[in-house]
N, C-alpha and C. Protein backbone atom coordinates (compact mmCIF):
# COMPACT_ATOMS: atom_id res chain seq x y z
N MET A 1 17.49 -25.37 23.45
CA MET A 1 16.44 -25.67 22.44
C MET A 1 16.49 -27.14 22.05
N SER A 2 15.41 -27.77 22.10
CA SER A 2 15.45 -29.23 21.76
C SER A 2 15.40 -29.42 20.22
N SER A 3 15.58 -30.64 19.82
CA SER A 3 15.63 -30.89 18.36
C SER A 3 14.25 -30.61 17.78
N VAL A 4 13.19 -30.86 18.50
CA VAL A 4 11.82 -30.64 17.99
C VAL A 4 11.63 -29.14 17.76
N ASP A 5 12.02 -28.30 18.75
CA ASP A 5 11.95 -26.89 18.61
C ASP A 5 12.72 -26.36 17.44
N SER A 6 13.92 -26.88 17.29
CA SER A 6 14.78 -26.51 16.13
C SER A 6 14.16 -26.91 14.83
N PHE A 7 13.56 -28.08 14.75
CA PHE A 7 12.89 -28.55 13.53
C PHE A 7 11.69 -27.66 13.21
N LEU A 8 10.87 -27.33 14.23
CA LEU A 8 9.66 -26.48 13.94
C LEU A 8 10.12 -25.07 13.56
N SER A 9 11.22 -24.58 14.13
CA SER A 9 11.69 -23.26 13.75
C SER A 9 12.20 -23.28 12.25
N LYS A 10 12.86 -24.36 11.91
CA LYS A 10 13.34 -24.44 10.51
C LYS A 10 12.20 -24.52 9.54
N ILE A 11 11.16 -25.28 9.87
CA ILE A 11 9.98 -25.41 8.99
C ILE A 11 9.36 -24.08 8.84
N ALA A 12 9.17 -23.34 9.89
CA ALA A 12 8.51 -22.02 9.88
C ALA A 12 9.34 -21.05 9.02
N SER A 13 10.67 -21.06 9.14
CA SER A 13 11.49 -20.08 8.42
C SER A 13 11.76 -20.49 7.01
N VAL A 14 11.82 -21.79 6.71
CA VAL A 14 12.25 -22.25 5.38
C VAL A 14 11.03 -22.49 4.46
N ILE A 15 9.92 -23.02 5.04
CA ILE A 15 8.78 -23.41 4.21
C ILE A 15 7.61 -22.48 4.39
N VAL A 16 7.15 -22.29 5.65
CA VAL A 16 5.86 -21.65 5.85
C VAL A 16 5.95 -20.12 5.50
N ASN A 17 6.94 -19.43 6.04
CA ASN A 17 7.03 -17.98 5.77
C ASN A 17 7.18 -17.62 4.25
N PRO A 18 8.11 -18.33 3.52
CA PRO A 18 8.13 -18.05 2.09
C PRO A 18 6.84 -18.40 1.34
N LEU A 19 6.18 -19.45 1.80
CA LEU A 19 4.90 -19.84 1.14
C LEU A 19 3.84 -18.74 1.38
N ILE A 20 3.78 -18.19 2.57
CA ILE A 20 2.82 -17.17 2.89
C ILE A 20 3.14 -15.89 2.04
N ARG A 21 4.44 -15.58 1.98
CA ARG A 21 4.82 -14.40 1.14
C ARG A 21 4.46 -14.65 -0.32
N LEU A 22 4.69 -15.85 -0.81
CA LEU A 22 4.33 -16.14 -2.21
C LEU A 22 2.83 -16.01 -2.47
N LEU A 23 2.03 -16.60 -1.57
CA LEU A 23 0.59 -16.47 -1.77
C LEU A 23 0.10 -15.07 -1.60
N PHE A 24 0.70 -14.27 -0.69
CA PHE A 24 0.38 -12.90 -0.57
C PHE A 24 0.69 -12.12 -1.86
N ALA A 25 1.83 -12.45 -2.47
CA ALA A 25 2.19 -11.80 -3.74
C ALA A 25 1.21 -12.16 -4.84
N VAL A 26 0.75 -13.43 -4.85
CA VAL A 26 -0.27 -13.86 -5.87
C VAL A 26 -1.52 -13.06 -5.67
N ALA A 27 -1.96 -12.90 -4.40
CA ALA A 27 -3.21 -12.20 -4.11
C ALA A 27 -3.02 -10.72 -4.54
N LEU A 28 -1.86 -10.15 -4.34
CA LEU A 28 -1.61 -8.76 -4.74
C LEU A 28 -1.65 -8.62 -6.27
N VAL A 29 -1.12 -9.56 -6.98
CA VAL A 29 -1.19 -9.54 -8.44
C VAL A 29 -2.61 -9.61 -8.93
N VAL A 30 -3.42 -10.52 -8.31
CA VAL A 30 -4.83 -10.62 -8.67
C VAL A 30 -5.58 -9.28 -8.40
N PHE A 31 -5.26 -8.66 -7.28
CA PHE A 31 -5.85 -7.37 -6.93
C PHE A 31 -5.48 -6.31 -7.98
N LEU A 32 -4.19 -6.22 -8.27
CA LEU A 32 -3.74 -5.21 -9.24
C LEU A 32 -4.28 -5.50 -10.63
N TRP A 33 -4.40 -6.79 -11.01
CA TRP A 33 -4.97 -7.15 -12.30
C TRP A 33 -6.46 -6.74 -12.33
N GLY A 34 -7.16 -6.92 -11.24
CA GLY A 34 -8.53 -6.46 -11.17
C GLY A 34 -8.69 -4.95 -11.34
N ILE A 35 -7.79 -4.22 -10.75
CA ILE A 35 -7.80 -2.71 -10.90
C ILE A 35 -7.54 -2.35 -12.36
N PHE A 36 -6.59 -3.03 -12.96
CA PHE A 36 -6.24 -2.79 -14.36
C PHE A 36 -7.47 -3.07 -15.26
N ASN A 37 -8.07 -4.25 -15.02
CA ASN A 37 -9.25 -4.63 -15.84
C ASN A 37 -10.41 -3.67 -15.60
N TYR A 38 -10.61 -3.22 -14.36
CA TYR A 38 -11.69 -2.31 -14.05
C TYR A 38 -11.55 -0.97 -14.76
N ILE A 39 -10.30 -0.46 -14.77
CA ILE A 39 -10.05 0.83 -15.46
C ILE A 39 -10.08 0.68 -16.95
N LYS A 40 -9.48 -0.42 -17.43
CA LYS A 40 -9.46 -0.69 -18.91
C LYS A 40 -10.83 -0.84 -19.48
N GLY A 41 -11.70 -1.51 -18.74
CA GLY A 41 -13.02 -1.76 -19.22
C GLY A 41 -14.06 -0.86 -18.63
N ALA A 42 -13.70 0.41 -18.45
CA ALA A 42 -14.60 1.34 -17.84
C ALA A 42 -15.95 1.55 -18.60
N SER A 43 -15.94 1.36 -19.90
CA SER A 43 -17.12 1.56 -20.66
C SER A 43 -17.95 0.25 -20.81
N ASN A 44 -17.37 -0.89 -20.41
CA ASN A 44 -17.99 -2.19 -20.56
C ASN A 44 -18.43 -2.69 -19.17
N PRO A 45 -19.74 -2.79 -18.92
CA PRO A 45 -20.17 -3.27 -17.57
C PRO A 45 -19.69 -4.67 -17.26
N GLU A 46 -19.58 -5.54 -18.21
CA GLU A 46 -19.12 -6.91 -17.95
C GLU A 46 -17.62 -6.93 -17.54
N ALA A 47 -16.83 -6.12 -18.18
CA ALA A 47 -15.38 -6.03 -17.83
C ALA A 47 -15.24 -5.40 -16.47
N ARG A 48 -16.05 -4.42 -16.16
CA ARG A 48 -16.01 -3.80 -14.85
C ARG A 48 -16.36 -4.80 -13.73
N GLU A 49 -17.32 -5.60 -14.02
CA GLU A 49 -17.78 -6.59 -13.03
C GLU A 49 -16.63 -7.67 -12.80
N THR A 50 -15.99 -8.09 -13.89
CA THR A 50 -14.89 -9.04 -13.80
C THR A 50 -13.73 -8.39 -13.00
N GLY A 51 -13.41 -7.13 -13.24
CA GLY A 51 -12.38 -6.42 -12.52
C GLY A 51 -12.75 -6.27 -11.04
N ARG A 52 -13.98 -5.99 -10.81
CA ARG A 52 -14.48 -5.85 -9.41
C ARG A 52 -14.32 -7.19 -8.65
N ARG A 53 -14.64 -8.27 -9.30
CA ARG A 53 -14.51 -9.63 -8.66
C ARG A 53 -13.07 -9.90 -8.38
N HIS A 54 -12.17 -9.62 -9.28
CA HIS A 54 -10.72 -9.78 -9.06
C HIS A 54 -10.24 -8.94 -7.87
N ILE A 55 -10.70 -7.71 -7.84
CA ILE A 55 -10.32 -6.82 -6.75
C ILE A 55 -10.73 -7.41 -5.37
N ILE A 56 -12.00 -7.87 -5.33
CA ILE A 56 -12.55 -8.42 -4.06
C ILE A 56 -11.77 -9.70 -3.68
N TRP A 57 -11.53 -10.59 -4.64
CA TRP A 57 -10.87 -11.84 -4.31
C TRP A 57 -9.38 -11.60 -3.97
N GLY A 58 -8.76 -10.60 -4.55
CA GLY A 58 -7.39 -10.22 -4.20
C GLY A 58 -7.34 -9.67 -2.83
N LEU A 59 -8.32 -8.86 -2.43
CA LEU A 59 -8.33 -8.33 -1.07
C LEU A 59 -8.57 -9.45 -0.05
N ILE A 60 -9.51 -10.37 -0.41
CA ILE A 60 -9.81 -11.47 0.51
C ILE A 60 -8.50 -12.33 0.70
N GLY A 61 -7.85 -12.62 -0.43
CA GLY A 61 -6.60 -13.35 -0.30
C GLY A 61 -5.55 -12.71 0.51
N MET A 62 -5.32 -11.43 0.33
CA MET A 62 -4.36 -10.73 1.14
C MET A 62 -4.76 -10.72 2.63
N LEU A 63 -6.03 -10.55 2.94
CA LEU A 63 -6.50 -10.56 4.29
C LEU A 63 -6.27 -11.94 4.93
N ILE A 64 -6.53 -13.00 4.19
CA ILE A 64 -6.28 -14.36 4.69
C ILE A 64 -4.83 -14.56 4.98
N MET A 65 -3.94 -14.10 4.03
CA MET A 65 -2.50 -14.34 4.30
C MET A 65 -1.93 -13.54 5.47
N VAL A 66 -2.48 -12.31 5.64
CA VAL A 66 -2.03 -11.52 6.79
C VAL A 66 -2.54 -12.22 8.11
N SER A 67 -3.76 -12.79 8.06
CA SER A 67 -4.31 -13.47 9.21
C SER A 67 -3.53 -14.70 9.53
N VAL A 68 -3.17 -15.47 8.51
CA VAL A 68 -2.37 -16.68 8.73
C VAL A 68 -1.03 -16.34 9.27
N PHE A 69 -0.39 -15.35 8.78
CA PHE A 69 0.90 -14.94 9.30
C PHE A 69 0.76 -14.55 10.74
N GLY A 70 -0.27 -13.77 11.10
CA GLY A 70 -0.46 -13.32 12.49
C GLY A 70 -0.77 -14.52 13.44
N ILE A 71 -1.56 -15.45 12.94
CA ILE A 71 -1.89 -16.66 13.77
C ILE A 71 -0.59 -17.45 14.01
N ILE A 72 0.19 -17.67 12.97
CA ILE A 72 1.43 -18.43 13.21
C ILE A 72 2.40 -17.73 14.11
N LYS A 73 2.49 -16.41 13.98
CA LYS A 73 3.41 -15.61 14.86
C LYS A 73 2.89 -15.70 16.29
N LEU A 74 1.58 -15.56 16.50
CA LEU A 74 1.01 -15.72 17.81
C LEU A 74 1.27 -17.06 18.44
N ALA A 75 1.07 -18.11 17.63
CA ALA A 75 1.32 -19.47 18.11
C ALA A 75 2.81 -19.67 18.46
N LEU A 76 3.68 -19.23 17.64
CA LEU A 76 5.12 -19.39 17.93
C LEU A 76 5.56 -18.61 19.14
N ASP A 77 5.04 -17.35 19.31
CA ASP A 77 5.34 -16.54 20.47
C ASP A 77 4.78 -17.18 21.74
N THR A 78 3.61 -17.77 21.62
CA THR A 78 3.03 -18.48 22.79
C THR A 78 3.84 -19.67 23.18
N ILE A 79 4.30 -20.44 22.21
CA ILE A 79 5.06 -21.66 22.49
C ILE A 79 6.47 -21.28 23.00
N TYR A 80 7.13 -20.34 22.31
CA TYR A 80 8.55 -20.06 22.66
C TYR A 80 8.66 -18.94 23.68
N GLY A 81 7.56 -18.30 24.00
CA GLY A 81 7.50 -17.27 25.07
C GLY A 81 8.29 -16.10 24.82
């Protein structure tokens, strides 16, 4: 393994993967907060709409993070075979 391969491997394991996990956790918190707001504001249409938006954005964020993780894994598997 060359020094460039070692450097890229370190960046992926030390910076990129924890960052993806952190952003996924943030998206999960937004999603759960949206569910909480939706249930708490069941009688208030404005609160339900706010909760619904949080749920949607949380799902979109989680989908993006799973996609990014998959793309990075595919790229690394292609490069390192």
